[in-house]
Amino acid sequence: MPDLRITHDDTVAENDKVLIRWTITGTVKKELFGIPASDKPITVVGFDLFRLADGKIVELWQQFGVGSWSS
C-alpha cells in the first residue's frame, strides 16, 4: 500500500485498560486479507485494547475488518 494512511480516531482509558480505535486507508498493490490487488482504495477499521501493569503492556487484543473495498 504505497499510499498507506493510518488515522488514530479515538483513545479511551479506564483503570488498567487503554483502547485505541484506528482507520487505515490505501490502495492494495498486492493481495491483502484476501483482497486482490487493485487500483481502488480500501478502508480497514479496527481497535487495539491494551491491559497495563506496572507501566508495561501485559496483554493486547486486536480486532479489525475491511470497512470497504471493491474489485
C-alpha atoms as a PDB file:
ATOM      1  CA  MET A   1       0.000   0.000   0.000  1.00  0.00           C
ATOM      2  CA  PRO A   2       2.235   2.801  -1.237  1.00  0.00           C
ATOM      3  CA  ASP A   3      -0.322   5.449  -0.180  1.00  0.00           C
ATOM      4  CA  LEU A   4      -0.964   3.899   3.265  1.00  0.00           C
ATOM      5  CA  ARG A   5      -2.533   6.277   5.764  1.00  0.00           C
ATOM      6  CA  ILE A   6      -3.221   5.383   9.402  1.00  0.00           C
ATOM      7  CA  THR A   7      -5.616   7.613  11.325  1.00  0.00           C
ATOM      8  CA  HIS A   8      -5.860   7.487  15.111  1.00  0.00           C
ATOM      9  CA  ASP A   9      -9.602   8.004  15.681  1.00  0.00           C
ATOM     10  CA  ASP A  10     -10.072   7.630  19.457  1.00  0.00           C
ATOM     11  CA  THR A  11      -8.356   6.736  22.702  1.00  0.00           C
ATOM     12  CA  VAL A  12     -10.292   5.584  25.750  1.00  0.00           C
ATOM     13  CA  ALA A  13      -8.643   4.708  29.063  1.00  0.00           C
ATOM     14  CA  GLU A  14     -10.206   3.211  32.154  1.00  0.00           C
ATOM     15  CA  ASN A  15      -8.476   1.544  35.094  1.00  0.00           C
ATOM     16  CA  ASP A  16      -5.781  -0.756  33.655  1.00  0.00           C
ATOM     17  CA  LYS A  17      -7.050  -0.745  30.042  1.00  0.00           C
ATOM     18  CA  VAL A  18      -6.487   1.567  27.068  1.00  0.00           C
ATOM     19  CA  LEU A  19      -8.384   1.247  23.795  1.00  0.00           C
ATOM     20  CA  ILE A  20      -7.211   2.840  20.555  1.00  0.00           C
ATOM     21  CA  ARG A  21      -9.598   2.915  17.585  1.00  0.00           C
ATOM     22  CA  TRP A  22      -7.979   3.417  14.184  1.00  0.00           C
ATOM     23  CA  THR A  23      -8.626   3.534  10.437  1.00  0.00           C
ATOM     24  CA  ILE A  24      -6.252   2.520   7.648  1.00  0.00           C
ATOM     25  CA  THR A  25      -6.794   3.624   4.059  1.00  0.00           C
ATOM     26  CA  GLY A  26      -4.784   2.939   0.954  1.00  0.00           C
ATOM     27  CA  THR A  27      -4.530   1.141  -2.345  1.00  0.00           C
ATOM     28  CA  VAL A  28      -3.771  -2.595  -2.319  1.00  0.00           C
ATOM     29  CA  LYS A  29      -0.974  -3.356  -4.793  1.00  0.00           C
ATOM     30  CA  LYS A  30      -0.551  -6.988  -3.613  1.00  0.00           C
ATOM     31  CA  GLU A  31      -3.169  -9.342  -2.153  1.00  0.00           C
ATOM     32  CA  LEU A  32      -4.066  -8.342   1.418  1.00  0.00           C
ATOM     33  CA  PHE A  33      -6.552 -10.137   3.747  1.00  0.00           C
ATOM     34  CA  GLY A  34      -7.854 -11.992   0.689  1.00  0.00           C
ATOM     35  CA  ILE A  35      -8.451  -8.746  -1.190  1.00  0.00           C
ATOM     36  CA  PRO A  36      -6.931  -8.908  -4.677  1.00  0.00           C
ATOM     37  CA  ALA A  37      -4.500  -6.254  -5.883  1.00  0.00           C
ATOM     38  CA  SER A  38      -6.328  -3.301  -7.409  1.00  0.00           C
ATOM     39  CA  ASP A  39      -6.028   0.383  -8.177  1.00  0.00           C
ATOM     40  CA  LYS A  40      -9.064   1.055  -5.969  1.00  0.00           C
ATOM     41  CA  PRO A  41      -8.682   2.247  -2.358  1.00  0.00           C
ATOM     42  CA  ILE A  42      -9.721   0.206   0.674  1.00  0.00           C
ATOM     43  CA  THR A  43     -10.596   1.142   4.230  1.00  0.00           C
ATOM     44  CA  VAL A  44      -9.731  -1.086   7.206  1.00  0.00           C
ATOM     45  CA  VAL A  45     -11.140  -0.190  10.626  1.00  0.00           C
ATOM     46  CA  GLY A  46     -10.103  -1.677  13.936  1.00  0.00           C
ATOM     47  CA  PHE A  47      -9.008  -1.290  17.512  1.00  0.00           C
ATOM     48  CA  ASP A  48      -6.229  -2.296  19.861  1.00  0.00           C
ATOM     49  CA  LEU A  49      -7.099  -2.930  23.513  1.00  0.00           C
ATOM     50  CA  PHE A  50      -4.139  -2.932  25.889  1.00  0.00           C
ATOM     51  CA  ARG A  51      -4.007  -4.041  29.527  1.00  0.00           C
ATOM     52  CA  LEU A  52      -1.272  -2.366  31.527  1.00  0.00           C
ATOM     53  CA  ALA A  53       0.516  -3.452  34.698  1.00  0.00           C
ATOM     54  CA  ASP A  54       3.480  -1.738  36.333  1.00  0.00           C
ATOM     55  CA  GLY A  55       3.682   0.726  33.431  1.00  0.00           C
ATOM     56  CA  LYS A  56       4.011  -2.012  30.797  1.00  0.00           C
ATOM     57  CA  ILE A  57       1.699  -3.596  28.256  1.00  0.00           C
ATOM     58  CA  VAL A  58       0.956  -7.097  29.543  1.00  0.00           C
ATOM     59  CA  GLU A  59      -1.890  -8.058  27.202  1.00  0.00           C
ATOM     60  CA  LEU A  60      -3.085  -6.929  23.786  1.00  0.00           C
ATOM     61  CA  TRP A  61      -6.294  -7.695  21.910  1.00  0.00           C
ATOM     62  CA  GLN A  62      -6.749  -6.513  18.345  1.00  0.00           C
ATOM     63  CA  GLN A  63      -9.697  -6.692  16.011  1.00  0.00           C
ATOM     64  CA  PHE A  64     -10.058  -5.292  12.506  1.00  0.00           C
ATOM     65  CA  GLY A  65     -12.075  -5.683   9.373  1.00  0.00           C
ATOM     66  CA  VAL A  66     -12.220  -4.289   5.906  1.00  0.00           C
ATOM     67  CA  GLY A  67     -14.751  -1.487   6.016  1.00  0.00           C
ATOM     68  CA  SER A  68     -14.971  -1.019   2.255  1.00  0.00           C
ATOM     69  CA  TRP A  69     -13.391  -2.174  -0.947  1.00  0.00           C
ATOM     70  CA  SER A  70     -14.411  -3.083  -4.442  1.00  0.00           C
ATOM     71  CA  SER A  71     -12.643  -5.167  -7.045  1.00  0.00           C
END
